[in-house]
Amino acid sequence: MKISYSIGTLLILLFTCIIPTKSQVLTSVAQTGTFFSNPVIAKDAPDPSVMDGGDGYYYLFATGGGIYRSTNLINWTYLSFAFAVQPSFVKNGGIWALDASKIGDKYVIFFAMSVWGGVDSCGIGVAYASKPQGPYIFVNPGGKLFYSYEIGVKNSIDPCYVEDNGKKYLVWGSFYGIYAIELSDDGLSIKNGAEKVKIAGSAFEGSYIYKRNGYYYYFGSVGSCCEGVNSTYKTVCGRSRNLLGPYVNSYGGTMLNNQYNILIQGNNLWAGTGHNAEFVEDRSGQTWIMYHAYSRAEPDKGRMVLLDRVLWKNDWPYVINAQPSTQSSKPRL
């Protein structure tokens, strides 16, 4: 069979046959006009949250409090530390898993503070700003929204803000269960009289909920997050017709019973693929996911940020081969 190629295709083939050094693979995106290569942030920036700033930029918030900015989800520039002052409501606590949203006329960050093993003393904080790059100031002294022991949920980390039918919710939790609770009208406190609802079991953390075609999709991470090349983190999902569940996998198993579909997992290049950011839909209707992973070649660089396209079949999401891509077409933003 005779195969012919256009000049453009030949050029792409020529470029992809040039083998880059290990350093180039980890620090650059593809130099062709229509493709990019993972990672898109080649340094430690775990637990990403992505927000459209409404000013021509996307903003990415990472564990530790760093903010990055991009126009295309591929080329990111570090800006600054998120907060006006250091959060302090957990003594010696780290700043984990910032979740950024615009609520009304404010940009709002929910975040966790914890120390390893501090399942009762950790908690969720909240801060706001007048512009997406901050600096973010606390609603309460030290930033506290609640402690684990106050809300009755051990290891209260990994917040996710959700709006639904005019109501505002916080989803959070880890390997002691995933919970949701209604927030006040301004989204900055728990609504008076609100009761928490358990929506997923003890296998998950890194929650994110996305609504599409009448379904709510719960995305979370299972496995170990932070053991370098030995990390078993993978991103999983289920869906429901209601925000508060029940969420099920494609075989009808419930996420309350720790059943799920695998969306993306490690391969021979990447380990610990988890804690995805908010999905971004481009102008052609394609859906994109950002998440962190360790390079098996250079795990000491930490949890880098990867970008992949999410496809849909029968209203179920999937990523090609259920693993990180090495090269993909760019989002059409």
C-alpha atoms as a PDB file:
ATOM      1  CA  MET A   1       0.000   0.000   0.000  1.00  0.00           C
ATOM      2  CA  LYS A   2       1.363   3.399  -0.971  1.00  0.00           C
ATOM      3  CA  ILE A   3       1.336   6.092   1.722  1.00  0.00           C
ATOM      4  CA  SER A   4       1.760   9.776   0.906  1.00  0.00           C
ATOM      5  CA  TYR A   5       2.365  12.653   3.310  1.00  0.00           C
ATOM      6  CA  SER A   6       1.791  16.377   3.141  1.00  0.00           C
ATOM      7  CA  ILE A   7       4.711  18.733   3.725  1.00  0.00           C
ATOM      8  CA  GLY A   8       3.212  19.674   7.120  1.00  0.00           C
ATOM      9  CA  THR A   9       2.971  16.041   8.166  1.00  0.00           C
ATOM     10  CA  LEU A  10       6.550  15.379   7.068  1.00  0.00           C
ATOM     11  CA  LEU A  11       7.721  18.313   9.167  1.00  0.00           C
ATOM     12  CA  ILE A  12       5.878  16.975  12.219  1.00  0.00           C
ATOM     13  CA  LEU A  13       7.413  13.548  11.675  1.00  0.00           C
ATOM     14  CA  LEU A  14      10.848  15.129  11.362  1.00  0.00           C
ATOM     15  CA  PHE A  15      10.454  17.032  14.632  1.00  0.00           C
ATOM     16  CA  THR A  16       9.124  14.021  16.543  1.00  0.00           C
ATOM     17  CA  CYS A  17      12.085  11.940  15.382  1.00  0.00           C
ATOM     18  CA  ILE A  18      14.519  14.318  17.059  1.00  0.00           C
ATOM     19  CA  ILE A  19      15.139  12.726  20.455  1.00  0.00           C
ATOM     20  CA  PRO A  20      15.346  15.360  23.222  1.00  0.00           C
ATOM     21  CA  THR A  21      17.490  15.070  26.307  1.00  0.00           C
ATOM     22  CA  LYS A  22      15.895  14.049  29.595  1.00  0.00           C
ATOM     23  CA  SER A  23      16.073  17.667  30.761  1.00  0.00           C
ATOM     24  CA  GLN A  24      14.282  18.927  27.672  1.00  0.00           C
ATOM     25  CA  VAL A  25      11.492  16.387  28.066  1.00  0.00           C
ATOM     26  CA  LEU A  26      10.821  17.534  31.620  1.00  0.00           C
ATOM     27  CA  THR A  27      11.055  21.279  31.146  1.00  0.00           C
ATOM     28  CA  SER A  28       9.594  22.105  27.758  1.00  0.00           C
ATOM     29  CA  VAL A  29       6.414  21.817  25.793  1.00  0.00           C
ATOM     30  CA  ALA A  30       6.390  20.686  22.192  1.00  0.00           C
ATOM     31  CA  GLN A  31       7.680  23.289  19.773  1.00  0.00           C
ATOM     32  CA  THR A  32       5.278  22.425  16.934  1.00  0.00           C
ATOM     33  CA  GLY A  33       2.341  24.714  16.306  1.00  0.00           C
ATOM     34  CA  THR A  34      -0.457  22.285  17.188  1.00  0.00           C
ATOM     35  CA  PHE A  35       1.019  19.957  19.810  1.00  0.00           C
ATOM     36  CA  PHE A  36       2.313  20.130  23.389  1.00  0.00           C
ATOM     37  CA  SER A  37       4.247  17.669  25.542  1.00  0.00           C
ATOM     38  CA  ASN A  38       3.784  16.802  29.219  1.00  0.00           C
ATOM     39  CA  PRO A  39       4.572  18.094  31.793  1.00  0.00           C
ATOM     40  CA  VAL A  40       3.208  21.626  31.498  1.00  0.00           C
ATOM     41  CA  ILE A  41       4.731  22.629  34.859  1.00  0.00           C
ATOM     42  CA  ALA A  42       8.036  20.803  35.265  1.00  0.00           C
ATOM     43  CA  LYS A  43       8.471  21.450  38.993  1.00  0.00           C
ATOM     44  CA  ASP A  44       6.717  20.550  42.216  1.00  0.00           C
ATOM     45  CA  ALA A  45       3.215  22.066  42.047  1.00  0.00           C
ATOM     46  CA  PRO A  46       0.936  19.405  43.539  1.00  0.00           C
ATOM     47  CA  ASP A  47      -2.839  19.308  44.007  1.00  0.00           C
ATOM     48  CA  PRO A  48      -3.551  21.884  41.281  1.00  0.00           C
ATOM     49  CA  SER A  49      -6.696  23.991  41.112  1.00  0.00           C
ATOM     50  CA  VAL A  50      -7.362  25.997  37.941  1.00  0.00           C
ATOM     51  CA  MET A  51      -9.555  29.076  37.657  1.00  0.00           C
ATOM     52  CA  ASP A  52     -10.425  31.247  34.661  1.00  0.00           C
ATOM     53  CA  GLY A  53      -9.603  34.725  35.920  1.00  0.00           C
ATOM     54  CA  GLY A  54     -11.841  36.476  33.400  1.00  0.00           C
ATOM     55  CA  ASP A  55      -8.897  38.675  32.413  1.00  0.00           C
ATOM     56  CA  GLY A  56      -7.452  36.565  29.614  1.00  0.00           C
ATOM     57  CA  TYR A  57      -5.526  34.297  31.990  1.00  0.00           C
ATOM     58  CA  TYR A  58      -5.978  30.988  33.728  1.00  0.00           C
ATOM     59  CA  TYR A  59      -4.639  30.819  37.290  1.00  0.00           C
ATOM     60  CA  LEU A  60      -3.291  27.650  38.873  1.00  0.00           C
ATOM     61  CA  PHE A  61      -3.031  27.291  42.654  1.00  0.00           C
ATOM     62  CA  ALA A  62      -0.802  24.588  44.154  1.00  0.00           C
ATOM     63  CA  THR A  63      -0.199  23.032  47.556  1.00  0.00           C
ATOM     64  CA  GLY A  64       2.183  25.333  49.413  1.00  0.00           C
ATOM     65  CA  GLY A  65       0.310  28.429  48.263  1.00  0.00           C
ATOM     66  CA  GLY A  66       1.980  29.204  44.940  1.00  0.00           C
ATOM     67  CA  ILE A  67       0.057  30.845  42.082  1.00  0.00           C
ATOM     68  CA  TYR A  68       0.870  30.338  38.391  1.00  0.00           C
ATOM     69  CA  ARG A  69      -0.647  32.060  35.348  1.00  0.00           C
ATOM     70  CA  SER A  70      -1.167  31.026  31.702  1.00  0.00           C
ATOM     71  CA  THR A  71      -3.093  32.042  28.608  1.00  0.00           C
ATOM     72  CA  ASN A  72      -3.176  28.544  27.072  1.00  0.00           C
ATOM     73  CA  LEU A  73      -2.944  25.951  29.923  1.00  0.00           C
ATOM     74  CA  ILE A  74       0.497  24.967  28.574  1.00  0.00           C
ATOM     75  CA  ASN A  75       2.987  27.754  29.290  1.00  0.00           C
ATOM     76  CA  TRP A  76       2.816  28.767  32.954  1.00  0.00           C
ATOM     77  CA  THR A  77       4.552  31.604  34.818  1.00  0.00           C
ATOM     78  CA  TYR A  78       4.954  31.618  38.594  1.00  0.00           C
ATOM     79  CA  LEU A  79       3.448  34.774  40.115  1.00  0.00           C
ATOM     80  CA  SER A  80       3.515  34.825  43.903  1.00  0.00           C
ATOM     81  CA  PHE A  81       2.427  33.384  47.230  1.00  0.00           C
ATOM     82  CA  ALA A  82      -1.357  33.420  47.444  1.00  0.00           C
ATOM     83  CA  PHE A  83      -1.936  34.935  50.870  1.00  0.00           C
ATOM     84  CA  ALA A  84      -1.374  38.382  52.314  1.00  0.00           C
ATOM     85  CA  VAL A  85      -0.035  36.673  55.480  1.00  0.00           C
ATOM     86  CA  GLN A  86       0.756  33.061  56.331  1.00  0.00           C
ATOM     87  CA  PRO A  87      -2.257  30.943  57.407  1.00  0.00           C
ATOM     88  CA  SER A  88      -1.827  29.982  61.056  1.00  0.00           C
ATOM     89  CA  PHE A  89      -4.858  28.175  62.450  1.00  0.00           C
ATOM     90  CA  VAL A  90      -2.996  24.830  62.539  1.00  0.00           C
ATOM     91  CA  LYS A  91       0.273  25.099  64.428  1.00  0.00           C
ATOM     92  CA  ASN A  92       3.194  24.210  62.125  1.00  0.00           C
ATOM     93  CA  GLY A  93       0.643  23.134  59.517  1.00  0.00           C
ATOM     94  CA  GLY A  94       1.298  22.998  55.801  1.00  0.00           C
ATOM     95  CA  ILE A  95      -0.924  24.677  53.225  1.00  0.00           C
ATOM     96  CA  TRP A  96      -2.539  21.923  51.171  1.00  0.00           C
ATOM     97  CA  ALA A  97      -4.829  21.663  48.173  1.00  0.00           C
ATOM     98  CA  LEU A  98      -6.038  25.197  47.483  1.00  0.00           C
ATOM     99  CA  ASP A  99      -9.370  25.351  45.640  1.00  0.00           C
ATOM    100  CA  ALA A 100     -10.050  28.605  43.774  1.00  0.00           C
ATOM    101  CA  SER A 101     -13.380  29.956  42.484  1.00  0.00           C
ATOM    102  CA  LYS A 102     -15.124  33.237  41.750  1.00  0.00           C
ATOM    103  CA  ILE A 103     -18.113  33.720  44.049  1.00  0.00           C
ATOM    104  CA  GLY A 104     -20.116  36.849  43.306  1.00  0.00           C
ATOM    105  CA  ASP A 105     -17.616  39.687  42.910  1.00  0.00           C
ATOM    106  CA  LYS A 106     -14.919  37.976  44.995  1.00  0.00           C
ATOM    107  CA  TYR A 107     -12.213  35.454  44.183  1.00  0.00           C
ATOM    108  CA  VAL A 108     -12.280  32.847  46.924  1.00  0.00           C
ATOM    109  CA  ILE A 109      -9.797  30.187  48.020  1.00  0.00           C
ATOM    110  CA  PHE A 110     -10.669  27.267  50.225  1.00  0.00           C
ATOM    111  CA  PHE A 111      -7.595  25.443  51.488  1.00  0.00           C
ATOM    112  CA  ALA A 112      -6.518  22.795  53.981  1.00  0.00           C
ATOM    113  CA  MET A 113      -3.968  23.115  56.766  1.00  0.00           C
ATOM    114  CA  SER A 114      -2.490  19.990  58.276  1.00  0.00           C
ATOM    115  CA  VAL A 115       0.523  18.112  59.514  1.00  0.00           C
ATOM    116  CA  TRP A 116       1.053  14.473  58.565  1.00  0.00           C
ATOM    117  CA  GLY A 117      -1.107  12.360  60.854  1.00  0.00           C
ATOM    118  CA  GLY A 118      -3.033  15.341  62.230  1.00  0.00           C
ATOM    119  CA  VAL A 119      -6.434  13.905  61.430  1.00  0.00           C
ATOM    120  CA  ASP A 120      -8.267  15.759  64.226  1.00  0.00           C
ATOM    121  CA  SER A 121      -6.272  18.988  64.375  1.00  0.00           C
ATOM    122  CA  CYS A 122      -6.282  19.697  60.631  1.00  0.00           C
ATOM    123  CA  GLY A 123      -9.011  21.707  58.962  1.00  0.00           C
ATOM    124  CA  ILE A 124     -10.306  23.876  56.147  1.00  0.00           C
ATOM    125  CA  GLY A 125      -9.602  27.592  55.735  1.00  0.00           C
ATOM    126  CA  VAL A 126     -11.048  30.306  53.521  1.00  0.00           C
ATOM    127  CA  ALA A 127      -9.754  33.587  52.101  1.00  0.00           C
ATOM    128  CA  TYR A 128     -10.825  36.056  49.412  1.00  0.00           C
ATOM    129  CA  ALA A 129      -9.412  38.717  47.082  1.00  0.00           C
ATOM    130  CA  SER A 130     -10.600  41.343  44.634  1.00  0.00           C
ATOM    131  CA  LYS A 131      -8.433  39.962  41.804  1.00  0.00           C
ATOM    132  CA  PRO A 132      -7.487  36.385  40.901  1.00  0.00           C
ATOM    133  CA  GLN A 133      -3.772  36.765  41.647  1.00  0.00           C
ATOM    134  CA  GLY A 134      -4.535  37.979  45.169  1.00  0.00           C
ATOM    135  CA  PRO A 135      -3.219  38.624  47.717  1.00  0.00           C
ATOM    136  CA  TYR A 136      -5.950  36.668  49.536  1.00  0.00           C
ATOM    137  CA  ILE A 137      -7.051  37.801  52.971  1.00  0.00           C
ATOM    138  CA  PHE A 138      -8.718  35.651  55.619  1.00  0.00           C
ATOM    139  CA  VAL A 139     -12.374  35.737  56.536  1.00  0.00           C
ATOM    140  CA  ASN A 140     -11.524  34.576  60.095  1.00  0.00           C
ATOM    141  CA  PRO A 141      -8.359  34.972  62.215  1.00  0.00           C
ATOM    142  CA  GLY A 142      -5.633  32.664  60.944  1.00  0.00           C
ATOM    143  CA  GLY A 143      -7.872  31.615  58.040  1.00  0.00           C
ATOM    144  CA  LYS A 144      -9.937  28.925  59.822  1.00  0.00           C
ATOM    145  CA  LEU A 145     -13.314  27.825  58.488  1.00  0.00           C
ATOM    146  CA  PHE A 146     -13.455  24.703  60.685  1.00  0.00           C
ATOM    147  CA  TYR A 147     -11.304  22.059  62.343  1.00  0.00           C
ATOM    148  CA  SER A 148     -11.829  18.339  61.798  1.00  0.00           C
ATOM    149  CA  TYR A 149     -12.963  17.843  65.387  1.00  0.00           C
ATOM    150  CA  GLU A 150     -15.497  20.679  65.079  1.00  0.00           C
ATOM    151  CA  ILE A 151     -17.168  19.318  61.943  1.00  0.00           C
ATOM    152  CA  GLY A 152     -16.948  15.648  62.993  1.00  0.00           C
ATOM    153  CA  VAL A 153     -14.943  14.503  59.954  1.00  0.00           C
ATOM    154  CA  LYS A 154     -11.458  13.150  60.557  1.00  0.00           C
ATOM    155  CA  ASN A 155      -8.776  14.400  58.177  1.00  0.00           C
ATOM    156  CA  SER A 156     -10.805  17.322  56.862  1.00  0.00           C
ATOM    157  CA  ILE A 157      -8.655  18.255  53.865  1.00  0.00           C
ATOM    158  CA  ASP A 158      -8.973  18.708  50.084  1.00  0.00           C
ATOM    159  CA  PRO A 159     -11.852  21.211  49.775  1.00  0.00           C
ATOM    160  CA  CYS A 160     -13.887  21.645  46.597  1.00  0.00           C
ATOM    161  CA  TYR A 161     -16.413  24.461  46.078  1.00  0.00           C
ATOM    162  CA  VAL A 162     -19.568  23.664  44.082  1.00  0.00           C
ATOM    163  CA  GLU A 163     -22.560  25.773  43.011  1.00  0.00           C
ATOM    164  CA  ASP A 164     -25.835  24.055  42.151  1.00  0.00           C
ATOM    165  CA  ASN A 165     -29.327  25.454  41.534  1.00  0.00           C
ATOM    166  CA  GLY A 166     -28.540  28.700  43.290  1.00  0.00           C
ATOM    167  CA  LYS A 167     -27.006  27.001  46.314  1.00  0.00           C
ATOM    168  CA  LYS A 168     -23.357  26.845  47.335  1.00  0.00           C
ATOM    169  CA  TYR A 169     -21.639  23.788  48.766  1.00  0.00           C
ATOM    170  CA  LEU A 170     -18.291  22.673  50.088  1.00  0.00           C
ATOM    171  CA  VAL A 171     -17.157  19.110  49.365  1.00  0.00           C
ATOM    172  CA  TRP A 172     -14.169  17.833  51.342  1.00  0.00           C
ATOM    173  CA  GLY A 173     -12.583  14.892  53.107  1.00  0.00           C
ATOM    174  CA  SER A 174     -10.093  12.103  52.696  1.00  0.00           C
ATOM    175  CA  PHE A 175      -9.745   8.456  53.683  1.00  0.00           C
ATOM    176  CA  TYR A 176     -12.347   8.801  56.449  1.00  0.00           C
ATOM    177  CA  GLY A 177     -15.098   9.665  53.960  1.00  0.00           C
ATOM    178  CA  ILE A 178     -16.086  12.436  51.562  1.00  0.00           C
ATOM    179  CA  TYR A 179     -18.714  14.915  52.741  1.00  0.00           C
ATOM    180  CA  ALA A 180     -20.686  17.898  51.453  1.00  0.00           C
ATOM    181  CA  ILE A 181     -22.336  20.759  53.319  1.00  0.00           C
ATOM    182  CA  GLU A 182     -24.244  23.856  52.226  1.00  0.00           C
ATOM    183  CA  LEU A 183     -22.544  27.233  52.552  1.00  0.00           C
ATOM    184  CA  SER A 184     -23.905  30.704  53.247  1.00  0.00           C
ATOM    185  CA  ASP A 185     -25.092  32.910  50.394  1.00  0.00           C
ATOM    186  CA  ASP A 186     -21.679  34.563  50.087  1.00  0.00           C
ATOM    187  CA  GLY A 187     -19.924  31.179  50.197  1.00  0.00           C
ATOM    188  CA  LEU A 188     -17.608  32.253  53.020  1.00  0.00           C
ATOM    189  CA  SER A 189     -19.101  30.295  55.921  1.00  0.00           C
ATOM    190  CA  ILE A 190     -21.220  27.251  56.715  1.00  0.00           C
ATOM    191  CA  LYS A 191     -24.937  27.976  56.332  1.00  0.00           C
ATOM    192  CA  ASN A 192     -26.733  28.183  59.667  1.00  0.00           C
ATOM    193  CA  GLY A 193     -28.364  24.854  60.449  1.00  0.00           C
ATOM    194  CA  ALA A 194     -26.722  23.007  57.533  1.00  0.00           C
ATOM    195  CA  GLU A 195     -25.956  19.319  58.050  1.00  0.00           C
ATOM    196  CA  LYS A 196     -23.122  17.463  56.368  1.00  0.00           C
ATOM    197  CA  VAL A 197     -23.941  14.619  53.968  1.00  0.00           C
ATOM    198  CA  LYS A 198     -21.611  11.725  53.190  1.00  0.00           C
ATOM    199  CA  ILE A 199     -21.321  11.299  49.416  1.00  0.00           C
ATOM    200  CA  ALA A 200     -18.391   8.884  48.973  1.00  0.00           C
ATOM    201  CA  GLY A 201     -16.552   6.259  51.004  1.00  0.00           C
ATOM    202  CA  SER A 202     -13.141   5.901  52.580  1.00  0.00           C
ATOM    203  CA  ALA A 203     -11.117   5.222  49.404  1.00  0.00           C
ATOM    204  CA  PHE A 204     -11.042   8.780  48.086  1.00  0.00           C
ATOM    205  CA  GLU A 205      -9.546  12.237  48.460  1.00  0.00           C
ATOM    206  CA  GLY A 206      -8.846  15.172  46.129  1.00  0.00           C
ATOM    207  CA  SER A 207     -12.545  15.699  45.355  1.00  0.00           C
ATOM    208  CA  TYR A 208     -13.883  17.519  42.318  1.00  0.00           C
ATOM    209  CA  ILE A 209     -17.454  17.606  40.967  1.00  0.00           C
ATOM    210  CA  TYR A 210     -18.256  18.459  37.356  1.00  0.00           C
ATOM    211  CA  LYS A 211     -21.748  18.753  35.816  1.00  0.00           C
ATOM    212  CA  ARG A 212     -22.389  17.678  32.228  1.00  0.00           C
ATOM    213  CA  ASN A 213     -25.524  16.622  30.316  1.00  0.00           C
ATOM    214  CA  GLY A 214     -27.621  16.282  33.446  1.00  0.00           C
ATOM    215  CA  TYR A 215     -25.071  14.201  35.360  1.00  0.00           C
ATOM    216  CA  TYR A 216     -22.851  15.163  38.267  1.00  0.00           C
ATOM    217  CA  TYR A 217     -19.448  13.507  38.016  1.00  0.00           C
ATOM    218  CA  TYR A 218     -17.413  12.943  41.141  1.00  0.00           C
ATOM    219  CA  PHE A 219     -13.669  12.752  40.517  1.00  0.00           C
ATOM    220  CA  GLY A 220     -11.291  11.713  43.269  1.00  0.00           C
ATOM    221  CA  SER A 221      -7.961  10.035  43.856  1.00  0.00           C
ATOM    222  CA  VAL A 222      -7.272   6.635  45.384  1.00  0.00           C
ATOM    223  CA  GLY A 223      -3.981   5.116  46.544  1.00  0.00           C
ATOM    224  CA  SER A 224      -0.838   6.762  47.925  1.00  0.00           C
ATOM    225  CA  CYS A 225      -0.089  10.318  46.851  1.00  0.00           C
ATOM    226  CA  CYS A 226       3.394  11.109  47.947  1.00  0.00           C
ATOM    227  CA  GLU A 227       5.909   8.265  47.703  1.00  0.00           C
ATOM    228  CA  GLY A 228       7.764   9.217  44.540  1.00  0.00           C
ATOM    229  CA  VAL A 229       7.937   6.425  41.976  1.00  0.00           C
ATOM    230  CA  ASN A 230       6.194   4.135  44.481  1.00  0.00           C
ATOM    231  CA  SER A 231       3.091   6.347  44.532  1.00  0.00           C
ATOM    232  CA  THR A 232      -0.059   4.472  43.531  1.00  0.00           C
ATOM    233  CA  TYR A 233      -2.346   7.504  43.168  1.00  0.00           C
ATOM    234  CA  LYS A 234      -4.802   7.303  40.304  1.00  0.00           C
ATOM    235  CA  THR A 235      -7.770   9.456  39.310  1.00  0.00           C
ATOM    236  CA  VAL A 236     -11.166   7.762  39.447  1.00  0.00           C
ATOM    237  CA  CYS A 237     -14.791   8.761  38.959  1.00  0.00           C
ATOM    238  CA  GLY A 238     -18.471   7.987  39.290  1.00  0.00           C
ATOM    239  CA  ARG A 239     -21.662   9.844  38.416  1.00  0.00           C
ATOM    240  CA  SER A 240     -25.075  10.756  39.813  1.00  0.00           C
ATOM    241  CA  ARG A 241     -28.235  12.571  38.771  1.00  0.00           C
ATOM    242  CA  ASN A 242     -28.007  14.550  42.018  1.00  0.00           C
ATOM    243  CA  LEU A 243     -25.189  16.590  43.496  1.00  0.00           C
ATOM    244  CA  LEU A 244     -25.378  14.776  46.821  1.00  0.00           C
ATOM    245  CA  GLY A 245     -25.475  11.346  45.226  1.00  0.00           C
ATOM    246  CA  PRO A 246     -25.669   8.440  45.165  1.00  0.00           C
ATOM    247  CA  TYR A 247     -22.631   8.278  42.872  1.00  0.00           C
ATOM    248  CA  VAL A 248     -22.118   5.027  40.974  1.00  0.00           C
ATOM    249  CA  ASN A 249     -19.589   3.550  38.590  1.00  0.00           C
ATOM    250  CA  SER A 250     -20.477   2.234  35.136  1.00  0.00           C
ATOM    251  CA  TYR A 251     -21.432  -1.157  36.639  1.00  0.00           C
ATOM    252  CA  GLY A 252     -23.793   0.328  39.214  1.00  0.00           C
ATOM    253  CA  GLY A 253     -21.459   0.007  42.207  1.00  0.00           C
ATOM    254  CA  THR A 254     -21.719   2.921  44.617  1.00  0.00           C
ATOM    255  CA  MET A 255     -18.891   5.217  45.587  1.00  0.00           C
ATOM    256  CA  LEU A 256     -20.186   5.041  49.154  1.00  0.00           C
ATOM    257  CA  ASN A 257     -18.991   1.436  48.928  1.00  0.00           C
ATOM    258  CA  ASN A 258     -15.691   2.547  47.347  1.00  0.00           C
ATOM    259  CA  GLN A 259     -16.610   1.471  43.801  1.00  0.00           C
ATOM    260  CA  TYR A 260     -15.346   3.585  40.895  1.00  0.00           C
ATOM    261  CA  ASN A 261     -14.146   3.806  37.299  1.00  0.00           C
ATOM    262  CA  ILE A 262     -10.462   4.495  36.644  1.00  0.00           C
ATOM    263  CA  LEU A 263      -9.918   7.656  34.595  1.00  0.00           C
ATOM    264  CA  ILE A 264      -6.128   7.917  34.559  1.00  0.00           C
ATOM    265  CA  GLN A 265      -3.295   5.975  36.170  1.00  0.00           C
ATOM    266  CA  GLY A 266       0.479   5.745  36.016  1.00  0.00           C
ATOM    267  CA  ASN A 267       2.595   4.219  33.254  1.00  0.00           C
ATOM    268  CA  ASN A 268       6.287   3.608  32.591  1.00  0.00           C
ATOM    269  CA  LEU A 269       6.972   7.369  32.538  1.00  0.00           C
ATOM    270  CA  TRP A 270       4.723   8.708  35.290  1.00  0.00           C
ATOM    271  CA  ALA A 271       3.643   7.598  38.761  1.00  0.00           C
ATOM    272  CA  GLY A 272       1.011   8.890  41.177  1.00  0.00           C
ATOM    273  CA  THR A 273      -1.394  10.462  38.676  1.00  0.00           C
ATOM    274  CA  GLY A 274      -3.949  12.201  40.830  1.00  0.00           C
ATOM    275  CA  HIS A 275      -5.630  15.149  42.499  1.00  0.00           C
ATOM    276  CA  ASN A 276      -7.008  16.687  39.331  1.00  0.00           C
ATOM    277  CA  ALA A 277      -7.900  20.355  38.937  1.00  0.00           C
ATOM    278  CA  GLU A 278     -11.159  21.748  37.622  1.00  0.00           C
ATOM    279  CA  PHE A 279     -11.963  20.731  34.043  1.00  0.00           C
ATOM    280  CA  VAL A 280     -11.546  23.364  31.338  1.00  0.00           C
ATOM    281  CA  GLU A 281     -13.744  23.311  28.252  1.00  0.00           C
ATOM    282  CA  ASP A 282     -12.199  24.896  25.168  1.00  0.00           C
ATOM    283  CA  ARG A 283     -14.047  26.749  22.392  1.00  0.00           C
ATOM    284  CA  SER A 284     -14.444  23.581  20.351  1.00  0.00           C
ATOM    285  CA  GLY A 285     -16.164  21.815  23.254  1.00  0.00           C
ATOM    286  CA  GLN A 286     -13.190  19.626  24.174  1.00  0.00           C
ATOM    287  CA  THR A 287     -12.673  18.908  27.881  1.00  0.00           C
ATOM    288  CA  TRP A 288      -9.241  19.138  29.524  1.00  0.00           C
ATOM    289  CA  ILE A 289      -7.933  17.852  32.836  1.00  0.00           C
ATOM    290  CA  MET A 290      -4.856  18.915  34.798  1.00  0.00           C
ATOM    291  CA  TYR A 291      -3.379  16.747  37.551  1.00  0.00           C
ATOM    292  CA  HIS A 292      -0.078  15.994  39.233  1.00  0.00           C
ATOM    293  CA  ALA A 293       2.348  13.089  38.813  1.00  0.00           C
ATOM    294  CA  TYR A 294       5.945  12.078  39.526  1.00  0.00           C
ATOM    295  CA  SER A 295       8.387  11.587  36.674  1.00  0.00           C
ATOM    296  CA  ARG A 296       9.855   8.110  37.025  1.00  0.00           C
ATOM    297  CA  ALA A 297      13.076   9.476  35.511  1.00  0.00           C
ATOM    298  CA  GLU A 298      13.423  12.392  37.951  1.00  0.00           C
ATOM    299  CA  PRO A 299      11.112  11.882  40.942  1.00  0.00           C
ATOM    300  CA  ASP A 300      13.103  14.331  43.073  1.00  0.00           C
ATOM    301  CA  LYS A 301      11.548  17.154  41.065  1.00  0.00           C
ATOM    302  CA  GLY A 302       8.313  16.421  42.897  1.00  0.00           C
ATOM    303  CA  ARG A 303       4.746  16.251  41.683  1.00  0.00           C
ATOM    304  CA  MET A 304       4.678  18.008  38.322  1.00  0.00           C
ATOM    305  CA  VAL A 305       1.546  19.186  36.516  1.00  0.00           C
ATOM    306  CA  LEU A 306       0.272  17.308  33.457  1.00  0.00           C
ATOM    307  CA  LEU A 307      -2.496  18.146  30.991  1.00  0.00           C
ATOM    308  CA  ASP A 308      -4.664  15.705  29.059  1.00  0.00           C
ATOM    309  CA  ARG A 309      -7.861  15.681  27.073  1.00  0.00           C
ATOM    310  CA  VAL A 310     -10.925  13.963  28.546  1.00  0.00           C
ATOM    311  CA  LEU A 311     -13.192  12.262  26.010  1.00  0.00           C
ATOM    312  CA  TRP A 312     -16.764  11.065  26.538  1.00  0.00           C
ATOM    313  CA  LYS A 313     -18.628   7.923  25.510  1.00  0.00           C
ATOM    314  CA  ASN A 314     -22.200   7.190  26.604  1.00  0.00           C
ATOM    315  CA  ASP A 315     -21.819  10.059  29.087  1.00  0.00           C
ATOM    316  CA  TRP A 316     -18.813   8.447  30.736  1.00  0.00           C
ATOM    317  CA  PRO A 317     -15.419  10.209  30.746  1.00  0.00           C
ATOM    318  CA  TYR A 318     -12.205   8.548  29.666  1.00  0.00           C
ATOM    319  CA  VAL A 319      -8.617   9.420  28.837  1.00  0.00           C
ATOM    320  CA  ILE A 320      -6.928   7.571  25.966  1.00  0.00           C
ATOM    321  CA  ASN A 321      -5.262   4.437  27.346  1.00  0.00           C
ATOM    322  CA  ALA A 322      -6.211   5.663  30.850  1.00  0.00           C
ATOM    323  CA  GLN A 323      -2.694   7.071  31.245  1.00  0.00           C
ATOM    324  CA  PRO A 324      -0.748  10.308  30.701  1.00  0.00           C
ATOM    325  CA  SER A 325      -0.010  11.296  27.143  1.00  0.00           C
ATOM    326  CA  THR A 326       3.488  12.179  26.007  1.00  0.00           C
ATOM    327  CA  GLN A 327       2.278  14.479  23.246  1.00  0.00           C
ATOM    328  CA  SER A 328      -1.181  15.789  22.413  1.00  0.00           C
ATOM    329  CA  SER A 329      -2.928  18.455  20.350  1.00  0.00           C
ATOM    330  CA  LYS A 330      -3.299  21.770  22.145  1.00  0.00           C
ATOM    331  CA  PRO A 331      -6.520  23.092  23.687  1.00  0.00           C
ATOM    332  CA  ARG A 332      -8.386  25.546  21.465  1.00  0.00           C
ATOM    333  CA  LEU A 333      -8.853  28.404  23.908  1.00  0.00           C
END
